[in-house]
Amino acid sequence: MRGVLSLDGLPKGQGHTYRAIGERMGVTGETAGQIAAGKHRASSE
């Protein structure tokens, strides 16, 4: 994913945070997107 590759371009603090969040959640950006879409859909109903 571009997000993973672009981590090098982010401040170390942000890159580490995003990486830690991803590892902690154990999901990929794609999965996170699906979860976000699900929450958005659920909240709109």
PDB file of N, CA and C in Angstrom:
ATOM      1  N   MET A   1       0.827  -1.205   0.000  1.00  0.00           N
ATOM      2  CA  MET A   1       0.000   0.000   0.000  1.00  0.00           C
ATOM      3  C   MET A   1       0.859   1.252   0.000  1.00  0.00           C
ATOM      4  N   ARG A   2       0.362   2.301  -0.617  1.00  0.00           N
ATOM      5  CA  ARG A   2       1.110   3.550  -0.630  1.00  0.00           C
ATOM      6  C   ARG A   2       1.300   4.071   0.784  1.00  0.00           C
ATOM      7  N   GLY A   3       0.276   3.919   1.619  1.00  0.00           N
ATOM      8  CA  GLY A   3       0.363   4.418   2.992  1.00  0.00           C
ATOM      9  C   GLY A   3       1.575   3.853   3.709  1.00  0.00           C
ATOM     10  N   VAL A   4       1.832   2.567   3.487  1.00  0.00           N
ATOM     11  CA  VAL A   4       2.962   1.936   4.164  1.00  0.00           C
ATOM     12  C   VAL A   4       4.267   2.523   3.640  1.00  0.00           C
ATOM     13  N   LEU A   5       4.355   2.696   2.327  1.00  0.00           N
ATOM     14  CA  LEU A   5       5.573   3.210   1.737  1.00  0.00           C
ATOM     15  C   LEU A   5       5.803   4.661   2.127  1.00  0.00           C
ATOM     16  N   SER A   6       4.724   5.425   2.276  1.00  0.00           N
ATOM     17  CA  SER A   6       4.849   6.851   2.562  1.00  0.00           C
ATOM     18  C   SER A   6       5.162   7.128   4.027  1.00  0.00           C
ATOM     19  N   LEU A   7       5.155   6.077   4.863  1.00  0.00           N
ATOM     20  CA  LEU A   7       5.467   6.289   6.278  1.00  0.00           C
ATOM     21  C   LEU A   7       6.845   6.923   6.423  1.00  0.00           C
ATOM     22  N   ASP A   8       7.765   6.581   5.494  1.00  0.00           N
ATOM     23  CA  ASP A   8       9.113   7.122   5.575  1.00  0.00           C
ATOM     24  C   ASP A   8       9.093   8.635   5.406  1.00  0.00           C
ATOM     25  N   GLY A   9       8.063   9.152   4.729  1.00  0.00           N
ATOM     26  CA  GLY A   9       7.985  10.584   4.477  1.00  0.00           C
ATOM     27  C   GLY A   9       7.339  11.334   5.624  1.00  0.00           C
ATOM     28  N   LEU A  10       6.768  10.620   6.564  1.00  0.00           N
ATOM     29  CA  LEU A  10       6.101  11.269   7.693  1.00  0.00           C
ATOM     30  C   LEU A  10       7.081  11.494   8.830  1.00  0.00           C
ATOM     31  N   PRO A  11       6.758  12.414   9.726  1.00  0.00           N
ATOM     32  CA  PRO A  11       7.588  12.591  10.927  1.00  0.00           C
ATOM     33  C   PRO A  11       7.685  11.259  11.654  1.00  0.00           C
ATOM     34  N   LYS A  12       8.810  10.992  12.293  1.00  0.00           N
ATOM     35  CA  LYS A  12       9.005   9.696  12.945  1.00  0.00           C
ATOM     36  C   LYS A  12       7.877   9.409  13.929  1.00  0.00           C
ATOM     37  N   GLY A  13       7.434  10.436  14.644  1.00  0.00           N
ATOM     38  CA  GLY A  13       6.374  10.245  15.630  1.00  0.00           C
ATOM     39  C   GLY A  13       5.110   9.711  14.979  1.00  0.00           C
ATOM     40  N   GLN A  14       4.697  10.352  13.881  1.00  0.00           N
ATOM     41  CA  GLN A  14       3.482   9.914  13.208  1.00  0.00           C
ATOM     42  C   GLN A  14       3.658   8.526  12.617  1.00  0.00           C
ATOM     43  N   GLY A  15       4.761   8.322  11.923  1.00  0.00           N
ATOM     44  CA  GLY A  15       4.999   7.029  11.290  1.00  0.00           C
ATOM     45  C   GLY A  15       4.958   5.909  12.314  1.00  0.00           C
ATOM     46  N   HIS A  16       5.619   6.120  13.439  1.00  0.00           N
ATOM     47  CA  HIS A  16       5.651   5.095  14.487  1.00  0.00           C
ATOM     48  C   HIS A  16       4.247   4.871  15.041  1.00  0.00           C
ATOM     49  N   THR A  17       3.497   5.960  15.210  1.00  0.00           N
ATOM     50  CA  THR A  17       2.145   5.849  15.767  1.00  0.00           C
ATOM     51  C   THR A  17       1.256   5.045  14.837  1.00  0.00           C
ATOM     52  N   TYR A  18       1.259   5.405  13.550  1.00  0.00           N
ATOM     53  CA  TYR A  18       0.416   4.695  12.591  1.00  0.00           C
ATOM     54  C   TYR A  18       0.801   3.227  12.528  1.00  0.00           C
ATOM     55  N   ARG A  19       2.104   2.978  12.564  1.00  0.00           N
ATOM     56  CA  ARG A  19       2.582   1.600  12.503  1.00  0.00           C
ATOM     57  C   ARG A  19       2.129   0.840  13.734  1.00  0.00           C
ATOM     58  N   ALA A  20       2.261   1.468  14.901  1.00  0.00           N
ATOM     59  CA  ALA A  20       1.869   0.825  16.156  1.00  0.00           C
ATOM     60  C   ALA A  20       0.375   0.536  16.152  1.00  0.00           C
ATOM     61  N   ILE A  21      -0.406   1.494  15.653  1.00  0.00           N
ATOM     62  CA  ILE A  21      -1.863   1.301  15.600  1.00  0.00           C
ATOM     63  C   ILE A  21      -2.185   0.116  14.697  1.00  0.00           C
ATOM     64  N   GLY A  22      -1.551   0.081  13.534  1.00  0.00           N
ATOM     65  CA  GLY A  22      -1.802  -1.012  12.589  1.00  0.00           C
ATOM     66  C   GLY A  22      -1.437  -2.358  13.193  1.00  0.00           C
ATOM     67  N   GLU A  23      -0.271  -2.411  13.856  1.00  0.00           N
ATOM     68  CA  GLU A  23       0.163  -3.670  14.464  1.00  0.00           C
ATOM     69  C   GLU A  23      -0.764  -4.056  15.610  1.00  0.00           C
ATOM     70  N   ARG A  24      -1.164  -3.066  16.390  1.00  0.00           N
ATOM     71  CA  ARG A  24      -2.017  -3.335  17.552  1.00  0.00           C
ATOM     72  C   ARG A  24      -3.387  -3.829  17.090  1.00  0.00           C
ATOM     73  N   MET A  25      -3.943  -3.170  16.065  1.00  0.00           N
ATOM     74  CA  MET A  25      -5.253  -3.573  15.551  1.00  0.00           C
ATOM     75  C   MET A  25      -5.147  -4.873  14.759  1.00  0.00           C
ATOM     76  N   GLY A  26      -3.963  -5.093  14.191  1.00  0.00           N
ATOM     77  CA  GLY A  26      -3.769  -6.316  13.414  1.00  0.00           C
ATOM     78  C   GLY A  26      -4.577  -6.306  12.131  1.00  0.00           C
ATOM     79  N   VAL A  27      -4.763  -5.115  11.559  1.00  0.00           N
ATOM     80  CA  VAL A  27      -5.529  -5.022  10.318  1.00  0.00           C
ATOM     81  C   VAL A  27      -4.727  -4.250   9.281  1.00  0.00           C
ATOM     82  N   THR A  28      -5.084  -4.458   8.021  1.00  0.00           N
ATOM     83  CA  THR A  28      -4.434  -3.721   6.946  1.00  0.00           C
ATOM     84  C   THR A  28      -5.225  -2.455   6.670  1.00  0.00           C
ATOM     85  N   GLY A  29      -4.665  -1.572   5.871  1.00  0.00           N
ATOM     86  CA  GLY A  29      -5.370  -0.343   5.523  1.00  0.00           C
ATOM     87  C   GLY A  29      -6.693  -0.657   4.858  1.00  0.00           C
ATOM     88  N   GLU A  30      -6.695  -1.702   4.033  1.00  0.00           N
ATOM     89  CA  GLU A  30      -7.922  -2.080   3.331  1.00  0.00           C
ATOM     90  C   GLU A  30      -8.990  -2.504   4.334  1.00  0.00           C
ATOM     91  N   THR A  31      -8.594  -3.337   5.293  1.00  0.00           N
ATOM     92  CA  THR A  31      -9.541  -3.799   6.308  1.00  0.00           C
ATOM     93  C   THR A  31     -10.035  -2.620   7.132  1.00  0.00           C
ATOM     94  N   ALA A  32      -9.124  -1.718   7.490  1.00  0.00           N
ATOM     95  CA  ALA A  32      -9.508  -0.542   8.278  1.00  0.00           C
ATOM     96  C   ALA A  32     -10.531   0.278   7.498  1.00  0.00           C
ATOM     97  N   GLY A  33     -10.337   0.371   6.187  1.00  0.00           N
ATOM     98  CA  GLY A  33     -11.279   1.107   5.351  1.00  0.00           C
ATOM     99  C   GLY A  33     -12.645   0.464   5.376  1.00  0.00           C
ATOM    100  N   GLN A  34     -12.671  -0.866   5.343  1.00  0.00           N
ATOM    101  CA  GLN A  34     -13.947  -1.585   5.375  1.00  0.00           C
ATOM    102  C   GLN A  34     -14.633  -1.365   6.717  1.00  0.00           C
ATOM    103  N   ILE A  35     -13.857  -1.380   7.797  1.00  0.00           N
ATOM    104  CA  ILE A  35     -14.411  -1.158   9.134  1.00  0.00           C
ATOM    105  C   ILE A  35     -14.995   0.253   9.208  1.00  0.00           C
ATOM    106  N   ALA A  36     -14.239   1.228   8.705  1.00  0.00           N
ATOM    107  CA  ALA A  36     -14.699   2.616   8.724  1.00  0.00           C
ATOM    108  C   ALA A  36     -15.982   2.748   7.912  1.00  0.00           C
ATOM    109  N   ALA A  37     -16.027   2.077   6.763  1.00  0.00           N
ATOM    110  CA  ALA A  37     -17.219   2.127   5.920  1.00  0.00           C
ATOM    111  C   ALA A  37     -18.393   1.504   6.658  1.00  0.00           C
ATOM    112  N   GLY A  38     -18.132   0.424   7.370  1.00  0.00           N
ATOM    113  CA  GLY A  38     -19.192  -0.250   8.118  1.00  0.00           C
ATOM    114  C   GLY A  38     -19.727   0.648   9.220  1.00  0.00           C
ATOM    115  N   LYS A  39     -18.817   1.329   9.920  1.00  0.00           N
ATOM    116  CA  LYS A  39     -19.243   2.220  10.999  1.00  0.00           C
ATOM    117  C   LYS A  39     -20.053   3.374  10.421  1.00  0.00           C
ATOM    118  N   HIS A  40     -19.590   3.904   9.294  1.00  0.00           N
ATOM    119  CA  HIS A  40     -20.289   5.030   8.668  1.00  0.00           C
ATOM    120  C   HIS A  40     -21.691   4.594   8.257  1.00  0.00           C
ATOM    121  N   ARG A  41     -21.781   3.402   7.681  1.00  0.00           N
ATOM    122  CA  ARG A  41     -23.067   2.886   7.219  1.00  0.00           C
ATOM    123  C   ARG A  41     -23.995   2.664   8.421  1.00  0.00           C
ATOM    124  N   ALA A  42     -23.423   2.105   9.491  1.00  0.00           N
ATOM    125  CA  ALA A  42     -24.221   1.804  10.683  1.00  0.00           C
ATOM    126  C   ALA A  42     -24.713   3.096  11.332  1.00  0.00           C
ATOM    127  N   SER A  43     -23.863   4.103  11.364  1.00  0.00           N
ATOM    128  CA  SER A  43     -24.237   5.352  12.026  1.00  0.00           C
ATOM    129  C   SER A  43     -25.285   6.109  11.216  1.00  0.00           C
ATOM    130  N   SER A  44     -25.295   5.896   9.905  1.00  0.00           N
ATOM    131  CA  SER A  44     -26.244   6.617   9.055  1.00  0.00           C
ATOM    132  C   SER A  44     -27.632   5.992   9.118  1.00  0.00           C
ATOM    133  N   GLU A  45     -27.710   4.735   9.575  1.00  0.00           N
ATOM    134  CA  GLU A  45     -29.022   4.069   9.611  1.00  0.00           C
ATOM    135  C   GLU A  45     -29.806   4.496  10.836  1.00  0.00           C
TER     136      GLU A  45
END
